[in-house]
C-alpha atoms as a PDB file:
ATOM      1  CA  UNK A   1      -9.559  33.017  28.577  1.00  0.00           C
ATOM      2  CA  UNK A   2     -12.669  31.019  26.998  1.00  0.00           C
ATOM      3  CA  UNK A   3     -14.008  30.046  23.949  1.00  0.00           C
ATOM      4  CA  UNK A   4     -17.740  30.409  23.819  1.00  0.00           C
ATOM      5  CA  UNK A   5     -20.503  29.600  21.363  1.00  0.00           C
ATOM      6  CA  UNK A   6     -22.751  32.244  20.723  1.00  0.00           C
ATOM      7  CA  UNK A   7     -24.672  31.192  17.110  1.00  0.00           C
ATOM      8  CA  UNK A   8     -25.238  27.547  16.336  1.00  0.00           C
ATOM      9  CA  UNK A   9     -27.994  29.328  13.750  1.00  0.00           C
ATOM     10  CA  UNK A  10     -29.885  28.295  10.266  1.00  0.00           C
ATOM     11  CA  UNK A  11     -29.465  31.096   7.620  1.00  0.00           C
ATOM     12  CA  UNK A  12     -31.258  31.256   4.255  1.00  0.00           C
ATOM     13  CA  UNK A  13     -28.906  30.331   1.827  1.00  0.00           C
ATOM     14  CA  UNK A  14     -28.093  32.196  -1.445  1.00  0.00           C
ATOM     15  CA  UNK A  15     -30.618  31.577  -4.256  1.00  0.00           C
ATOM     16  CA  UNK A  16     -28.108  29.511  -6.366  1.00  0.00           C
ATOM     17  CA  UNK A  17     -28.146  27.294  -3.129  1.00  0.00           C
ATOM     18  CA  UNK A  18     -32.043  26.779  -1.980  1.00  0.00           C
ATOM     19  CA  UNK A  19     -32.433  26.008   1.674  1.00  0.00           C
ATOM     20  CA  UNK A  20     -30.865  27.125   5.017  1.00  0.00           C
ATOM     21  CA  UNK A  21     -27.691  26.384   5.916  1.00  0.00           C
ATOM     22  CA  UNK A  22     -26.557  25.825   9.756  1.00  0.00           C
ATOM     23  CA  UNK A  23     -23.085  27.045  10.906  1.00  0.00           C
ATOM     24  CA  UNK A  24     -21.589  27.740  14.324  1.00  0.00           C
ATOM     25  CA  UNK A  25     -19.540  31.045  15.655  1.00  0.00           C
ATOM     26  CA  UNK A  26     -17.225  30.839  18.191  1.00  0.00           C
ATOM     27  CA  UNK A  27     -16.406  33.487  20.110  1.00  0.00           C
ATOM     28  CA  UNK A  28     -12.869  34.327  22.529  1.00  0.00           C
ATOM     29  CA  UNK A  29     -13.806  36.215  25.713  1.00  0.00           C
ATOM     30  CA  UNK A  30     -11.903  37.376  27.401  1.00  0.00           C
ATOM     31  CA  UNK A  31     -13.445  38.363  30.973  1.00  0.00           C
ATOM     32  CA  UNK A  32     -13.307  41.955  32.191  1.00  0.00           C
ATOM     33  CA  UNK A  33     -11.237  43.094  28.965  1.00  0.00           C
ATOM     34  CA  UNK A  34     -12.547  45.320  26.677  1.00  0.00           C
ATOM     35  CA  UNK A  35     -15.442  44.627  24.292  1.00  0.00           C
ATOM     36  CA  UNK A  36     -13.107  44.693  21.391  1.00  0.00           C
ATOM     37  CA  UNK A  37     -11.211  41.824  22.990  1.00  0.00           C
ATOM     38  CA  UNK A  38     -13.877  39.475  22.083  1.00  0.00           C
ATOM     39  CA  UNK A  39     -13.542  38.442  18.642  1.00  0.00           C
ATOM     40  CA  UNK A  40     -15.352  35.343  16.816  1.00  0.00           C
ATOM     41  CA  UNK A  41     -12.145  32.912  15.719  1.00  0.00           C
ATOM     42  CA  UNK A  42     -13.758  29.842  15.029  1.00  0.00           C
ATOM     43  CA  UNK A  43     -16.537  29.794  12.261  1.00  0.00           C
ATOM     44  CA  UNK A  44     -17.770  26.356  11.181  1.00  0.00           C
ATOM     45  CA  UNK A  45     -20.250  25.216   8.857  1.00  0.00           C
ATOM     46  CA  UNK A  46     -22.288  26.187   5.646  1.00  0.00           C
ATOM     47  CA  UNK A  47     -19.060  27.024   3.096  1.00  0.00           C
ATOM     48  CA  UNK A  48     -16.015  28.713   3.477  1.00  0.00           C
ATOM     49  CA  UNK A  49     -17.064  32.433   1.659  1.00  0.00           C
ATOM     50  CA  UNK A  50     -21.139  31.642   2.618  1.00  0.00           C
ATOM     51  CA  UNK A  51     -22.844  35.340   2.214  1.00  0.00           C
ATOM     52  CA  UNK A  52     -25.404  35.352   4.754  1.00  0.00           C
ATOM     53  CA  UNK A  53     -23.125  33.822   7.613  1.00  0.00           C
ATOM     54  CA  UNK A  54     -20.052  36.092   6.816  1.00  0.00           C
ATOM     55  CA  UNK A  55     -22.266  39.099   6.975  1.00  0.00           C
ATOM     56  CA  UNK A  56     -23.019  38.657  10.061  1.00  0.00           C
ATOM     57  CA  UNK A  57     -19.642  37.101  11.502  1.00  0.00           C
ATOM     58  CA  UNK A  58     -17.833  40.451  10.048  1.00  0.00           C
ATOM     59  CA  UNK A  59     -20.844  42.891  11.716  1.00  0.00           C
ATOM     60  CA  UNK A  60     -19.078  41.675  15.018  1.00  0.00           C
ATOM     61  CA  UNK A  61     -15.189  40.374  13.595  1.00  0.00           C
ATOM     62  CA  UNK A  62     -11.647  41.598  13.116  1.00  0.00           C
ATOM     63  CA  UNK A  63     -10.461  38.464  12.676  1.00  0.00           C
ATOM     64  CA  UNK A  64     -12.175  35.199  11.018  1.00  0.00           C
ATOM     65  CA  UNK A  65     -10.988  31.418  10.659  1.00  0.00           C
ATOM     66  CA  UNK A  66     -13.296  29.144   9.178  1.00  0.00           C
ATOM     67  CA  UNK A  67     -12.649  25.786  10.024  1.00  0.00           C
ATOM     68  CA  UNK A  68     -14.683  23.581   8.375  1.00  0.00           C
ATOM     69  CA  UNK A  69     -17.507  21.799   8.705  1.00  0.00           C
ATOM     70  CA  UNK A  70     -20.569  21.730  11.662  1.00  0.00           C
ATOM     71  CA  UNK A  71     -18.602  20.850  15.077  1.00  0.00           C
ATOM     72  CA  UNK A  72     -15.024  21.492  13.825  1.00  0.00           C
ATOM     73  CA  UNK A  73     -15.323  25.163  15.767  1.00  0.00           C
ATOM     74  CA  UNK A  74     -15.653  22.903  18.769  1.00  0.00           C
ATOM     75  CA  UNK A  75     -12.618  20.656  18.386  1.00  0.00           C
ATOM     76  CA  UNK A  76     -10.878  23.218  17.963  1.00  0.00           C
ATOM     77  CA  UNK A  77     -12.022  25.302  20.820  1.00  0.00           C
ATOM     78  CA  UNK A  78     -11.674  22.568  23.125  1.00  0.00           C
ATOM     79  CA  UNK A  79      -7.725  21.322  22.189  1.00  0.00           C
ATOM     80  CA  UNK A  80      -6.792  25.470  21.691  1.00  0.00           C
ATOM     81  CA  UNK A  81      -7.604  25.713  25.442  1.00  0.00           C
ATOM     82  CA  UNK A  82      -6.400  22.405  26.546  1.00  0.00           C
ATOM     83  CA  UNK A  83      -2.987  23.517  24.588  1.00  0.00           C
ATOM     84  CA  UNK A  84      -3.289  26.655  26.683  1.00  0.00           C
ATOM     85  CA  UNK A  85      -4.058  25.842  30.249  1.00  0.00           C
ATOM     86  CA  UNK A  86      -1.315  23.113  29.647  1.00  0.00           C
ATOM     87  CA  UNK A  87       0.921  25.375  28.742  1.00  0.00           C
ATOM     88  CA  UNK A  88      -0.023  27.946  31.851  1.00  0.00           C
ATOM     89  CA  UNK A  89       0.848  24.353  34.154  1.00  0.00           C
ATOM     90  CA  UNK A  90       4.449  23.900  32.305  1.00  0.00           C
ATOM     91  CA  UNK A  91       5.483  27.258  32.333  1.00  0.00           C
ATOM     92  CA  UNK A  92       3.957  27.448  36.449  1.00  0.00           C
ATOM     93  CA  UNK A  93       6.430  24.263  37.206  1.00  0.00           C
ATOM     94  CA  UNK A  94       9.169  26.489  35.327  1.00  0.00           C
ATOM     95  CA  UNK A  95       8.808  29.631  37.413  1.00  0.00           C
ATOM     96  CA  UNK A  96       8.578  27.846  40.650  1.00  0.00           C
ATOM     97  CA  UNK A  97      12.151  26.415  39.796  1.00  0.00           C
ATOM     98  CA  UNK A  98      13.145  29.736  39.274  1.00  0.00           C
ATOM     99  CA  UNK A  99      11.746  31.598  42.160  1.00  0.00           C
ATOM    100  CA  UNK A 100      13.274  29.002  44.198  1.00  0.00           C
ATOM    101  CA  UNK A 101      16.050  28.543  43.116  1.00  0.00           C
ATOM    102  CA  UNK A 102      16.871  32.853  43.825  1.00  0.00           C
ATOM    103  CA  UNK A 103      15.063  34.569  40.349  1.00  0.00           C
ATOM    104  CA  UNK A 104      13.339  37.515  41.264  1.00  0.00           C
ATOM    105  CA  UNK A 105       9.693  36.415  40.197  1.00  0.00           C
ATOM    106  CA  UNK A 106       9.350  39.560  38.237  1.00  0.00           C
ATOM    107  CA  UNK A 107      12.522  38.545  36.494  1.00  0.00           C
ATOM    108  CA  UNK A 108      11.433  35.451  35.316  1.00  0.00           C
ATOM    109  CA  UNK A 109       8.300  36.390  33.912  1.00  0.00           C
ATOM    110  CA  UNK A 110       9.952  38.864  32.075  1.00  0.00           C
ATOM    111  CA  UNK A 111      12.615  36.349  30.722  1.00  0.00           C
ATOM    112  CA  UNK A 112       9.805  34.317  29.507  1.00  0.00           C
ATOM    113  CA  UNK A 113       7.727  37.385  27.910  1.00  0.00           C
ATOM    114  CA  UNK A 114      11.282  38.540  26.030  1.00  0.00           C
ATOM    115  CA  UNK A 115      12.517  35.340  24.427  1.00  0.00           C
ATOM    116  CA  UNK A 116      11.832  32.836  22.117  1.00  0.00           C
ATOM    117  CA  UNK A 117       8.507  31.988  23.946  1.00  0.00           C
ATOM    118  CA  UNK A 118       6.851  35.079  24.556  1.00  0.00           C
ATOM    119  CA  UNK A 119       7.317  36.003  20.856  1.00  0.00           C
ATOM    120  CA  UNK A 120       5.581  32.488  20.129  1.00  0.00           C
ATOM    121  CA  UNK A 121       8.321  31.900  18.174  1.00  0.00           C
ATOM    122  CA  UNK A 122       8.033  28.059  18.335  1.00  0.00           C
ATOM    123  CA  UNK A 123       4.451  28.303  16.625  1.00  0.00           C
ATOM    124  CA  UNK A 124       5.618  31.069  14.164  1.00  0.00           C
ATOM    125  CA  UNK A 125       8.248  29.416  13.213  1.00  0.00           C
ATOM    126  CA  UNK A 126      10.589  26.777  14.108  1.00  0.00           C
ATOM    127  CA  UNK A 127       7.717  24.276  14.038  1.00  0.00           C
ATOM    128  CA  UNK A 128       6.084  25.241  10.694  1.00  0.00           C
ATOM    129  CA  UNK A 129       9.623  25.379   9.276  1.00  0.00           C
ATOM    130  CA  UNK A 130      10.382  21.636  11.286  1.00  0.00           C
ATOM    131  CA  UNK A 131       8.025  19.171  12.540  1.00  0.00           C
ATOM    132  CA  UNK A 132       4.921  20.930  10.847  1.00  0.00           C
ATOM    133  CA  UNK A 133       6.617  20.115   6.943  1.00  0.00           C
ATOM    134  CA  UNK A 134       7.935  16.763   8.622  1.00  0.00           C
ATOM    135  CA  UNK A 135      11.403  18.246   8.413  1.00  0.00           C
ATOM    136  CA  UNK A 136      14.005  16.742  10.163  1.00  0.00           C
ATOM    137  CA  UNK A 137      17.069  18.323   9.501  1.00  0.00           C
ATOM    138  CA  UNK A 138      18.743  19.430  12.381  1.00  0.00           C
ATOM    139  CA  UNK A 139      18.316  23.058  13.565  1.00  0.00           C
ATOM    140  CA  UNK A 140      18.372  22.459  17.326  1.00  0.00           C
ATOM    141  CA  UNK A 141      19.192  18.947  17.565  1.00  0.00           C
ATOM    142  CA  UNK A 142      17.318  16.985  20.067  1.00  0.00           C
ATOM    143  CA  UNK A 143      20.216  15.821  21.973  1.00  0.00           C
ATOM    144  CA  UNK A 144      21.296  19.411  22.535  1.00  0.00           C
ATOM    145  CA  UNK A 145      17.558  19.867  23.650  1.00  0.00           C
ATOM    146  CA  UNK A 146      17.842  16.827  25.348  1.00  0.00           C
ATOM    147  CA  UNK A 147      20.893  18.033  27.691  1.00  0.00           C
ATOM    148  CA  UNK A 148      19.269  21.372  28.463  1.00  0.00           C
ATOM    149  CA  UNK A 149      15.856  19.934  29.486  1.00  0.00           C
ATOM    150  CA  UNK A 150      17.873  17.411  31.980  1.00  0.00           C
ATOM    151  CA  UNK A 151      20.079  20.107  32.951  1.00  0.00           C
ATOM    152  CA  UNK A 152      16.673  22.008  34.105  1.00  0.00           C
ATOM    153  CA  UNK A 153      15.318  18.500  35.434  1.00  0.00           C
ATOM    154  CA  UNK A 154      18.689  18.169  37.969  1.00  0.00           C
ATOM    155  CA  UNK A 155      17.947  22.034  38.890  1.00  0.00           C
ATOM    156  CA  UNK A 156      14.253  21.277  39.868  1.00  0.00           C
ATOM    157  CA  UNK A 157      15.430  18.195  41.573  1.00  0.00           C
ATOM    158  CA  UNK A 158      18.232  20.093  43.784  1.00  0.00           C
ATOM    159  CA  UNK A 159      15.769  23.153  44.842  1.00  0.00           C
ATOM    160  CA  UNK A 160      13.180  19.824  45.270  1.00  0.00           C
ATOM    161  CA  UNK A 161      10.431  21.264  42.889  1.00  0.00           C
ATOM    162  CA  UNK A 162       8.418  18.909  40.927  1.00  0.00           C
ATOM    163  CA  UNK A 163       8.354  19.108  37.263  1.00  0.00           C
ATOM    164  CA  UNK A 164       5.780  16.404  35.892  1.00  0.00           C
ATOM    165  CA  UNK A 165       5.320  17.757  32.675  1.00  0.00           C
ATOM    166  CA  UNK A 166       9.219  18.335  32.568  1.00  0.00           C
ATOM    167  CA  UNK A 167       9.873  14.899  33.357  1.00  0.00           C
ATOM    168  CA  UNK A 168       6.869  13.694  30.902  1.00  0.00           C
ATOM    169  CA  UNK A 169       8.912  15.458  27.716  1.00  0.00           C
ATOM    170  CA  UNK A 170      12.231  14.203  28.812  1.00  0.00           C
ATOM    171  CA  UNK A 171      10.721  10.568  29.245  1.00  0.00           C
ATOM    172  CA  UNK A 172       9.818  11.179  25.138  1.00  0.00           C
ATOM    173  CA  UNK A 173      13.205  12.973  24.612  1.00  0.00           C
ATOM    174  CA  UNK A 174      14.664   9.611  25.723  1.00  0.00           C
ATOM    175  CA  UNK A 175      12.479   7.305  23.909  1.00  0.00           C
ATOM    176  CA  UNK A 176      13.410   9.561  20.804  1.00  0.00           C
ATOM    177  CA  UNK A 177      17.424   9.342  20.989  1.00  0.00           C
ATOM    178  CA  UNK A 178      16.823   5.462  21.785  1.00  0.00           C
ATOM    179  CA  UNK A 179      15.760   5.656  18.138  1.00  0.00           C
ATOM    180  CA  UNK A 180      18.817   7.385  17.040  1.00  0.00           C
ATOM    181  CA  UNK A 181      17.793  10.079  16.677  1.00  0.00           C
ATOM    182  CA  UNK A 182      20.029  12.156  18.902  1.00  0.00           C
ATOM    183  CA  UNK A 183      21.263  14.183  15.375  1.00  0.00           C
ATOM    184  CA  UNK A 184      17.733  14.474  14.019  1.00  0.00           C
ATOM    185  CA  UNK A 185      16.082  18.208  14.924  1.00  0.00           C
ATOM    186  CA  UNK A 186      14.893  18.428  18.473  1.00  0.00           C
ATOM    187  CA  UNK A 187      11.300  18.138  16.917  1.00  0.00           C
ATOM    188  CA  UNK A 188      11.097  15.132  16.150  1.00  0.00           C
ATOM    189  CA  UNK A 189      10.460  13.731  18.709  1.00  0.00           C
ATOM    190  CA  UNK A 190       7.006  15.382  18.490  1.00  0.00           C
ATOM    191  CA  UNK A 191       6.319  12.800  16.202  1.00  0.00           C
ATOM    192  CA  UNK A 192       6.110   9.426  18.659  1.00  0.00           C
ATOM    193  CA  UNK A 193       2.230  11.657  19.568  1.00  0.00           C
ATOM    194  CA  UNK A 194       1.587  11.108  16.107  1.00  0.00           C
ATOM    195  CA  UNK A 195       2.735   7.274  16.011  1.00  0.00           C
ATOM    196  CA  UNK A 196       0.311   6.706  19.636  1.00  0.00           C
ATOM    197  CA  UNK A 197      -2.568   8.716  17.520  1.00  0.00           C
ATOM    198  CA  UNK A 198      -1.844   7.344  13.823  1.00  0.00           C
ATOM    199  CA  UNK A 199      -2.206  10.766  12.307  1.00  0.00           C
ATOM    200  CA  UNK A 200       0.060  13.336  10.588  1.00  0.00           C
ATOM    201  CA  UNK A 201      -0.022  16.652  11.732  1.00  0.00           C
ATOM    202  CA  UNK A 202       1.347  18.241   8.379  1.00  0.00           C
ATOM    203  CA  UNK A 203       0.689  21.837   6.974  1.00  0.00           C
ATOM    204  CA  UNK A 204       0.196  22.341   3.140  1.00  0.00           C
ATOM    205  CA  UNK A 205       2.921  23.095   0.439  1.00  0.00           C
ATOM    206  CA  UNK A 206       2.604  26.565  -0.520  1.00  0.00           C
END
């Protein structure tokens, strides 16, 4: 999977706004997939709803996301791919532990596909209701999440499989526990990254 910038162009503005407006379109490119799997999903530059640009985009796209000023599409593309590749690695870590512990490869992969992870419940439901709203009333507490992660790491050690990303996550959860957040929602440990970055990631109220 790759997000490829295929246009960085200037188009004439409408009469009310003289002069050209630069914009970028980033395509989601899935090599060897059908043509309809290629979509420009990140569009930046100009203004949201800019007529000349949108006519061009909608001619080839089913889904369009306007990301903001010029260059913001590139930022969205890079961070999207970073998260995607990192998720690949953490799944590989977990799958190798499961297989070495005796679970068939096809079974553990199917388990991931059919459970919450495969249905993107964290991205679509859990985090928008908790971390992304700054709401840490417990749905699944940090202490229970830390317990489950600890058991997973014990299994990894017993099967002699390294879980490097899992161990990093445990460190973050342990630091959050040390702050007295054990009974808050598990997602509260993500705020440690916000502290390091000096920003908050929050969705607007709807």
